[in-house]
Amino acid sequence: MHEAAPTERELALEARMVELEMRVSFQEHALAELSDALAEARMEGSRNANLMRVLLEDLGKVRNALNSSDPVDEPPPPHY
């Protein structure tokens, strides 16, 4: 017994299924890339937030050091 040749409709359906499988594969790949990029962006945001916190703490220390010096405590300029 031998099989009948696939009909034109069956060939069209198979071609469509192959195309859809390729699209799904492409979308899965794109989704994985986007997920990786999002994870990297979140880590960079976290690093930037930590850096900003350290910089603000240092700025606060500098401001306190500048504000805590009383002009009365400073020696007179050399020309006096």
PDB file of N, CA and C in Angstrom:
ATOM      1  N   MET A   1       0.819  -1.166   0.000  1.00  0.00           N
ATOM      2  CA  MET A   1       0.000   0.000   0.000  1.00  0.00           C
ATOM      3  C   MET A   1       0.877   1.248   0.000  1.00  0.00           C
ATOM      4  N   HIS A   2       0.612   2.163  -0.843  1.00  0.00           N
ATOM      5  CA  HIS A   2       1.420   3.373  -0.813  1.00  0.00           C
ATOM      6  C   HIS A   2       0.573   4.593  -0.506  1.00  0.00           C
ATOM      7  N   GLU A   3       1.266   5.572   0.105  1.00  0.00           N
ATOM      8  CA  GLU A   3       0.557   6.753   0.596  1.00  0.00           C
ATOM      9  C   GLU A   3       0.240   7.691  -0.549  1.00  0.00           C
ATOM     10  N   ALA A   4      -0.870   8.404  -0.388  1.00  0.00           N
ATOM     11  CA  ALA A   4      -1.247   9.380  -1.396  1.00  0.00           C
ATOM     12  C   ALA A   4      -0.367  10.612  -1.242  1.00  0.00           C
ATOM     13  N   ALA A   5      -0.087  11.277  -2.327  1.00  0.00           N
ATOM     14  CA  ALA A   5       0.722  12.499  -2.300  1.00  0.00           C
ATOM     15  C   ALA A   5      -0.038  13.575  -1.541  1.00  0.00           C
ATOM     16  N   PRO A   6       0.675  14.414  -0.812  1.00  0.00           N
ATOM     17  CA  PRO A   6      -0.005  15.468  -0.054  1.00  0.00           C
ATOM     18  C   PRO A   6      -0.713  16.426  -1.005  1.00  0.00           C
ATOM     19  N   THR A   7      -1.838  16.865  -0.567  1.00  0.00           N
ATOM     20  CA  THR A   7      -2.616  17.798  -1.394  1.00  0.00           C
ATOM     21  C   THR A   7      -2.016  19.185  -1.289  1.00  0.00           C
ATOM     22  N   GLU A   8      -2.472  20.062  -2.166  1.00  0.00           N
ATOM     23  CA  GLU A   8      -1.993  21.456  -2.172  1.00  0.00           C
ATOM     24  C   GLU A   8      -2.337  22.141  -0.846  1.00  0.00           C
ATOM     25  N   ARG A   9      -3.501  21.823  -0.328  1.00  0.00           N
ATOM     26  CA  ARG A   9      -3.926  22.423   0.951  1.00  0.00           C
ATOM     27  C   ARG A   9      -3.027  21.953   2.087  1.00  0.00           C
ATOM     28  N   GLU A  10      -2.686  20.663   2.100  1.00  0.00           N
ATOM     29  CA  GLU A  10      -1.804  20.128   3.143  1.00  0.00           C
ATOM     30  C   GLU A  10      -0.414  20.755   3.059  1.00  0.00           C
ATOM     31  N   LEU A  11       0.078  20.945   1.832  1.00  0.00           N
ATOM     32  CA  LEU A  11       1.382  21.586   1.652  1.00  0.00           C
ATOM     33  C   LEU A  11       1.344  23.035   2.136  1.00  0.00           C
ATOM     34  N   ALA A  12       0.266  23.737   1.862  1.00  0.00           N
ATOM     35  CA  ALA A  12       0.125  25.128   2.301  1.00  0.00           C
ATOM     36  C   ALA A  12       0.057  25.202   3.822  1.00  0.00           C
ATOM     37  N   LEU A  13      -0.686  24.261   4.439  1.00  0.00           N
ATOM     38  CA  LEU A  13      -0.774  24.242   5.902  1.00  0.00           C
ATOM     39  C   LEU A  13       0.574  23.940   6.526  1.00  0.00           C
ATOM     40  N   GLU A  14       1.315  23.007   5.931  1.00  0.00           N
ATOM     41  CA  GLU A  14       2.625  22.669   6.454  1.00  0.00           C
ATOM     42  C   GLU A  14       3.573  23.864   6.342  1.00  0.00           C
ATOM     43  N   ALA A  15       3.534  24.550   5.201  1.00  0.00           N
ATOM     44  CA  ALA A  15       4.383  25.732   5.016  1.00  0.00           C
ATOM     45  C   ALA A  15       4.019  26.812   6.036  1.00  0.00           C
ATOM     46  N   ARG A  16       2.733  26.974   6.284  1.00  0.00           N
ATOM     47  CA  ARG A  16       2.300  27.978   7.264  1.00  0.00           C
ATOM     48  C   ARG A  16       2.763  27.586   8.673  1.00  0.00           C
ATOM     49  N   MET A  17       2.679  26.319   8.995  1.00  0.00           N
ATOM     50  CA  MET A  17       3.109  25.857  10.310  1.00  0.00           C
ATOM     51  C   MET A  17       4.612  26.074  10.479  1.00  0.00           C
ATOM     52  N   VAL A  18       5.387  25.799   9.455  1.00  0.00           N
ATOM     53  CA  VAL A  18       6.837  26.018   9.525  1.00  0.00           C
ATOM     54  C   VAL A  18       7.128  27.512   9.737  1.00  0.00           C
ATOM     55  N   GLU A  19       6.406  28.365   9.026  1.00  0.00           N
ATOM     56  CA  GLU A  19       6.590  29.811   9.180  1.00  0.00           C
ATOM     57  C   GLU A  19       6.241  30.255  10.603  1.00  0.00           C
ATOM     58  N   LEU A  20       5.140  29.751  11.145  1.00  0.00           N
ATOM     59  CA  LEU A  20       4.741  30.109  12.503  1.00  0.00           C
ATOM     60  C   LEU A  20       5.757  29.615  13.527  1.00  0.00           C
ATOM     61  N   GLU A  21       6.292  28.418  13.330  1.00  0.00           N
ATOM     62  CA  GLU A  21       7.313  27.896  14.233  1.00  0.00           C
ATOM     63  C   GLU A  21       8.564  28.770  14.203  1.00  0.00           C
ATOM     64  N   MET A  22       8.931  29.251  13.012  1.00  0.00           N
ATOM     65  CA  MET A  22      10.087  30.130  12.904  1.00  0.00           C
ATOM     66  C   MET A  22       9.817  31.457  13.615  1.00  0.00           C
ATOM     67  N   ARG A  23       8.624  31.988  13.472  1.00  0.00           N
ATOM     68  CA  ARG A  23       8.282  33.236  14.156  1.00  0.00           C
ATOM     69  C   ARG A  23       8.330  33.074  15.673  1.00  0.00           C
ATOM     70  N   VAL A  24       7.783  31.971  16.162  1.00  0.00           N
ATOM     71  CA  VAL A  24       7.801  31.721  17.610  1.00  0.00           C
ATOM     72  C   VAL A  24       9.242  31.606  18.095  1.00  0.00           C
ATOM     73  N   SER A  25      10.065  30.916  17.340  1.00  0.00           N
ATOM     74  CA  SER A  25      11.467  30.764  17.707  1.00  0.00           C
ATOM     75  C   SER A  25      12.156  32.127  17.756  1.00  0.00           C
ATOM     76  N   PHE A  26      11.910  32.973  16.759  1.00  0.00           N
ATOM     77  CA  PHE A  26      12.493  34.316  16.735  1.00  0.00           C
ATOM     78  C   PHE A  26      12.013  35.131  17.928  1.00  0.00           C
ATOM     79  N   GLN A  27      10.732  35.052  18.240  1.00  0.00           N
ATOM     80  CA  GLN A  27      10.186  35.813  19.362  1.00  0.00           C
ATOM     81  C   GLN A  27      10.754  35.311  20.694  1.00  0.00           C
ATOM     82  N   GLU A  28      10.938  34.022  20.838  1.00  0.00           N
ATOM     83  CA  GLU A  28      11.545  33.482  22.060  1.00  0.00           C
ATOM     84  C   GLU A  28      12.972  33.996  22.211  1.00  0.00           C
ATOM     85  N   HIS A  29      13.706  34.042  21.105  1.00  0.00           N
ATOM     86  CA  HIS A  29      15.077  34.547  21.138  1.00  0.00           C
ATOM     87  C   HIS A  29      15.084  36.034  21.510  1.00  0.00           C
ATOM     88  N   ALA A  30      14.201  36.817  20.891  1.00  0.00           N
ATOM     89  CA  ALA A  30      14.120  38.246  21.189  1.00  0.00           C
ATOM     90  C   ALA A  30      13.722  38.475  22.639  1.00  0.00           C
ATOM     91  N   LEU A  31      12.804  37.682  23.141  1.00  0.00           N
ATOM     92  CA  LEU A  31      12.368  37.809  24.533  1.00  0.00           C
ATOM     93  C   LEU A  31      13.523  37.499  25.494  1.00  0.00           C
ATOM     94  N   ALA A  32      14.321  36.504  25.185  1.00  0.00           N
ATOM     95  CA  ALA A  32      15.473  36.179  26.027  1.00  0.00           C
ATOM     96  C   ALA A  32      16.483  37.325  26.023  1.00  0.00           C
ATOM     97  N   GLU A  33      16.715  37.925  24.852  1.00  0.00           N
ATOM     98  CA  GLU A  33      17.633  39.064  24.774  1.00  0.00           C
ATOM     99  C   GLU A  33      17.104  40.248  25.574  1.00  0.00           C
ATOM    100  N   LEU A  34      15.811  40.520  25.476  1.00  0.00           N
ATOM    101  CA  LEU A  34      15.217  41.619  26.234  1.00  0.00           C
ATOM    102  C   LEU A  34      15.300  41.365  27.735  1.00  0.00           C
ATOM    103  N   SER A  35      15.083  40.135  28.127  1.00  0.00           N
ATOM    104  CA  SER A  35      15.172  39.784  29.535  1.00  0.00           C
ATOM    105  C   SER A  35      16.585  40.008  30.063  1.00  0.00           C
ATOM    106  N   ASP A  36      17.589  39.602  29.283  1.00  0.00           N
ATOM    107  CA  ASP A  36      18.978  39.819  29.674  1.00  0.00           C
ATOM    108  C   ASP A  36      19.295  41.307  29.767  1.00  0.00           C
ATOM    109  N   ALA A  37      18.814  42.082  28.795  1.00  0.00           N
ATOM    110  CA  ALA A  37      19.064  43.527  28.800  1.00  0.00           C
ATOM    111  C   ALA A  37      18.396  44.186  30.003  1.00  0.00           C
ATOM    112  N   LEU A  38      17.193  43.751  30.341  1.00  0.00           N
ATOM    113  CA  LEU A  38      16.490  44.307  31.498  1.00  0.00           C
ATOM    114  C   LEU A  38      17.228  43.984  32.786  1.00  0.00           C
ATOM    115  N   ALA A  39      17.700  42.764  32.919  1.00  0.00           N
ATOM    116  CA  ALA A  39      18.452  42.378  34.118  1.00  0.00           C
ATOM    117  C   ALA A  39      19.721  43.213  34.242  1.00  0.00           C
ATOM    118  N   GLU A  40      20.412  43.422  33.125  1.00  0.00           N
ATOM    119  CA  GLU A  40      21.631  44.237  33.139  1.00  0.00           C
ATOM    120  C   GLU A  40      21.309  45.688  33.500  1.00  0.00           C
ATOM    121  N   ALA A  41      20.221  46.226  32.961  1.00  0.00           N
ATOM    122  CA  ALA A  41      19.830  47.607  33.262  1.00  0.00           C
ATOM    123  C   ALA A  41      19.468  47.757  34.739  1.00  0.00           C
ATOM    124  N   ARG A  42      18.819  46.773  35.299  1.00  0.00           N
ATOM    125  CA  ARG A  42      18.480  46.823  36.729  1.00  0.00           C
ATOM    126  C   ARG A  42      19.737  46.794  37.586  1.00  0.00           C
ATOM    127  N   MET A  43      20.701  45.954  37.222  1.00  0.00           N
ATOM    128  CA  MET A  43      21.950  45.898  37.987  1.00  0.00           C
ATOM    129  C   MET A  43      22.697  47.226  37.880  1.00  0.00           C
ATOM    130  N   GLU A  44      22.719  47.812  36.686  1.00  0.00           N
ATOM    131  CA  GLU A  44      23.388  49.099  36.506  1.00  0.00           C
ATOM    132  C   GLU A  44      22.675  50.187  37.306  1.00  0.00           C
ATOM    133  N   GLY A  45      21.361  50.165  37.333  1.00  0.00           N
ATOM    134  CA  GLY A  45      20.602  51.124  38.127  1.00  0.00           C
ATOM    135  C   GLY A  45      20.909  50.987  39.602  1.00  0.00           C
ATOM    136  N   SER A  46      21.040  49.761  40.058  1.00  0.00           N
ATOM    137  CA  SER A  46      21.377  49.519  41.459  1.00  0.00           C
ATOM    138  C   SER A  46      22.779  50.040  41.774  1.00  0.00           C
ATOM    139  N   ARG A  47      23.733  49.779  40.875  1.00  0.00           N
ATOM    140  CA  ARG A  47      25.093  50.293  41.077  1.00  0.00           C
ATOM    141  C   ARG A  47      25.092  51.815  41.097  1.00  0.00           C
ATOM    142  N   ASN A  48      24.337  52.425  40.193  1.00  0.00           N
ATOM    143  CA  ASN A  48      24.268  53.889  40.142  1.00  0.00           C
ATOM    144  C   ASN A  48      23.628  54.454  41.404  1.00  0.00           C
ATOM    145  N   ALA A  49      22.606  53.798  41.921  1.00  0.00           N
ATOM    146  CA  ALA A  49      21.961  54.258  43.154  1.00  0.00           C
ATOM    147  C   ALA A  49      22.935  54.187  44.322  1.00  0.00           C
ATOM    148  N   ASN A  50      23.717  53.113  44.402  1.00  0.00           N
ATOM    149  CA  ASN A  50      24.718  52.985  45.468  1.00  0.00           C
ATOM    150  C   ASN A  50      25.799  54.056  45.336  1.00  0.00           C
ATOM    151  N   LEU A  51      26.244  54.294  44.116  1.00  0.00           N
ATOM    152  CA  LEU A  51      27.247  55.324  43.873  1.00  0.00           C
ATOM    153  C   LEU A  51      26.710  56.702  44.265  1.00  0.00           C
ATOM    154  N   MET A  52      25.466  56.974  43.891  1.00  0.00           N
ATOM    155  CA  MET A  52      24.843  58.254  44.231  1.00  0.00           C
ATOM    156  C   MET A  52      24.752  58.413  45.750  1.00  0.00           C
ATOM    157  N   ARG A  53      24.413  57.356  46.456  1.00  0.00           N
ATOM    158  CA  ARG A  53      24.320  57.411  47.921  1.00  0.00           C
ATOM    159  C   ARG A  53      25.675  57.757  48.527  1.00  0.00           C
ATOM    160  N   VAL A  54      26.740  57.099  48.038  1.00  0.00           N
ATOM    161  CA  VAL A  54      28.085  57.360  48.548  1.00  0.00           C
ATOM    162  C   VAL A  54      28.493  58.800  48.247  1.00  0.00           C
ATOM    163  N   LEU A  55      28.212  59.255  47.039  1.00  0.00           N
ATOM    164  CA  LEU A  55      28.581  60.623  46.664  1.00  0.00           C
ATOM    165  C   LEU A  55      27.831  61.654  47.503  1.00  0.00           C
ATOM    166  N   LEU A  56      26.562  61.422  47.767  1.00  0.00           N
ATOM    167  CA  LEU A  56      25.792  62.344  48.597  1.00  0.00           C
ATOM    168  C   LEU A  56      26.313  62.354  50.036  1.00  0.00           C
ATOM    169  N   GLU A  57      26.706  61.189  50.540  1.00  0.00           N
ATOM    170  CA  GLU A  57      27.288  61.141  51.885  1.00  0.00           C
ATOM    171  C   GLU A  57      28.589  61.943  51.927  1.00  0.00           C
ATOM    172  N   ASP A  58      29.433  61.764  50.906  1.00  0.00           N
ATOM    173  CA  ASP A  58      30.692  62.509  50.850  1.00  0.00           C
ATOM    174  C   ASP A  58      30.440  64.006  50.727  1.00  0.00           C
ATOM    175  N   LEU A  59      29.473  64.398  49.924  1.00  0.00           N
ATOM    176  CA  LEU A  59      29.131  65.814  49.780  1.00  0.00           C
ATOM    177  C   LEU A  59      28.652  66.379  51.109  1.00  0.00           C
ATOM    178  N   GLY A  60      27.853  65.613  51.832  1.00  0.00           N
ATOM    179  CA  GLY A  60      27.395  66.057  53.148  1.00  0.00           C
ATOM    180  C   GLY A  60      28.556  66.257  54.098  1.00  0.00           C
ATOM    181  N   LYS A  61      29.548  65.376  54.053  1.00  0.00           N
ATOM    182  CA  LYS A  61      30.727  65.511  54.912  1.00  0.00           C
ATOM    183  C   LYS A  61      31.516  66.765  54.562  1.00  0.00           C
ATOM    184  N   VAL A  62      31.664  67.009  53.266  1.00  0.00           N
ATOM    185  CA  VAL A  62      32.393  68.204  52.825  1.00  0.00           C
ATOM    186  C   VAL A  62      31.645  69.458  53.267  1.00  0.00           C
ATOM    187  N   ARG A  63      30.332  69.486  53.086  1.00  0.00           N
ATOM    188  CA  ARG A  63      29.534  70.643  53.512  1.00  0.00           C
ATOM    189  C   ARG A  63      29.665  70.872  55.014  1.00  0.00           C
ATOM    190  N   ASN A  64      29.582  69.798  55.798  1.00  0.00           N
ATOM    191  CA  ASN A  64      29.714  69.923  57.249  1.00  0.00           C
ATOM    192  C   ASN A  64      31.088  70.460  57.619  1.00  0.00           C
ATOM    193  N   ALA A  65      32.113  69.986  56.934  1.00  0.00           N
ATOM    194  CA  ALA A  65      33.464  70.454  57.225  1.00  0.00           C
ATOM    195  C   ALA A  65      33.602  71.941  56.893  1.00  0.00           C
ATOM    196  N   LEU A  66      33.001  72.362  55.792  1.00  0.00           N
ATOM    197  CA  LEU A  66      33.079  73.770  55.404  1.00  0.00           C
ATOM    198  C   LEU A  66      32.248  74.651  56.330  1.00  0.00           C
ATOM    199  N   ASN A  67      31.089  74.174  56.736  1.00  0.00           N
ATOM    200  CA  ASN A  67      30.204  74.965  57.586  1.00  0.00           C
ATOM    201  C   ASN A  67      30.663  74.990  59.039  1.00  0.00           C
ATOM    202  N   SER A  68      31.398  73.996  59.465  1.00  0.00           N
ATOM    203  CA  SER A  68      31.796  73.928  60.866  1.00  0.00           C
ATOM    204  C   SER A  68      32.971  74.836  61.177  1.00  0.00           C
ATOM    205  N   SER A  69      33.672  75.282  60.140  1.00  0.00           N
ATOM    206  CA  SER A  69      34.799  76.176  60.411  1.00  0.00           C
ATOM    207  C   SER A  69      34.272  77.584  60.641  1.00  0.00           C
ATOM    208  N   ASP A  70      34.549  78.105  61.811  1.00  0.00           N
ATOM    209  CA  ASP A  70      34.086  79.434  62.206  1.00  0.00           C
ATOM    210  C   ASP A  70      35.154  80.435  61.781  1.00  0.00           C
ATOM    211  N   PRO A  71      34.774  81.528  61.125  1.00  0.00           N
ATOM    212  CA  PRO A  71      35.771  82.515  60.684  1.00  0.00           C
ATOM    213  C   PRO A  71      36.574  83.106  61.840  1.00  0.00           C
ATOM    214  N   VAL A  72      36.007  83.126  63.039  1.00  0.00           N
ATOM    215  CA  VAL A  72      36.722  83.650  64.197  1.00  0.00           C
ATOM    216  C   VAL A  72      37.909  82.762  64.540  1.00  0.00           C
ATOM    217  N   ASP A  73      37.770  81.458  64.299  1.00  0.00           N
ATOM    218  CA  ASP A  73      38.842  80.513  64.610  1.00  0.00           C
ATOM    219  C   ASP A  73      39.990  80.571  63.605  1.00  0.00           C
ATOM    220  N   GLU A  74      39.756  81.169  62.467  1.00  0.00           N
ATOM    221  CA  GLU A  74      40.794  81.212  61.433  1.00  0.00           C
ATOM    222  C   GLU A  74      41.836  82.282  61.776  1.00  0.00           C
ATOM    223  N   PRO A  75      43.087  82.016  61.476  1.00  0.00           N
ATOM    224  CA  PRO A  75      44.114  83.035  61.732  1.00  0.00           C
ATOM    225  C   PRO A  75      43.946  84.212  60.764  1.00  0.00           C
ATOM    226  N   PRO A  76      44.423  85.386  61.146  1.00  0.00           N
ATOM    227  CA  PRO A  76      44.290  86.537  60.256  1.00  0.00           C
ATOM    228  C   PRO A  76      45.152  86.349  59.004  1.00  0.00           C
ATOM    229  N   PRO A  77      44.788  87.000  57.946  1.00  0.00           N
ATOM    230  CA  PRO A  77      45.600  86.911  56.713  1.00  0.00           C
ATOM    231  C   PRO A  77      47.016  87.405  57.000  1.00  0.00           C
ATOM    232  N   PRO A  78      47.989  86.999  56.213  1.00  0.00           N
ATOM    233  CA  PRO A  78      49.396  87.316  56.488  1.00  0.00           C
ATOM    234  C   PRO A  78      49.718  88.813  56.455  1.00  0.00           C
ATOM    235  N   HIS A  79      48.975  89.641  55.787  1.00  0.00           N
ATOM    236  CA  HIS A  79      49.317  91.060  55.693  1.00  0.00           C
ATOM    237  C   HIS A  79      48.961  91.861  56.945  1.00  0.00           C
ATOM    238  N   TYR A  80      48.377  91.257  57.979  1.00  0.00           N
ATOM    239  CA  TYR A  80      48.057  91.976  59.212  1.00  0.00           C
ATOM    240  C   TYR A  80      49.190  91.953  60.159  1.00  0.00           C
TER     241      TYR A  80
END
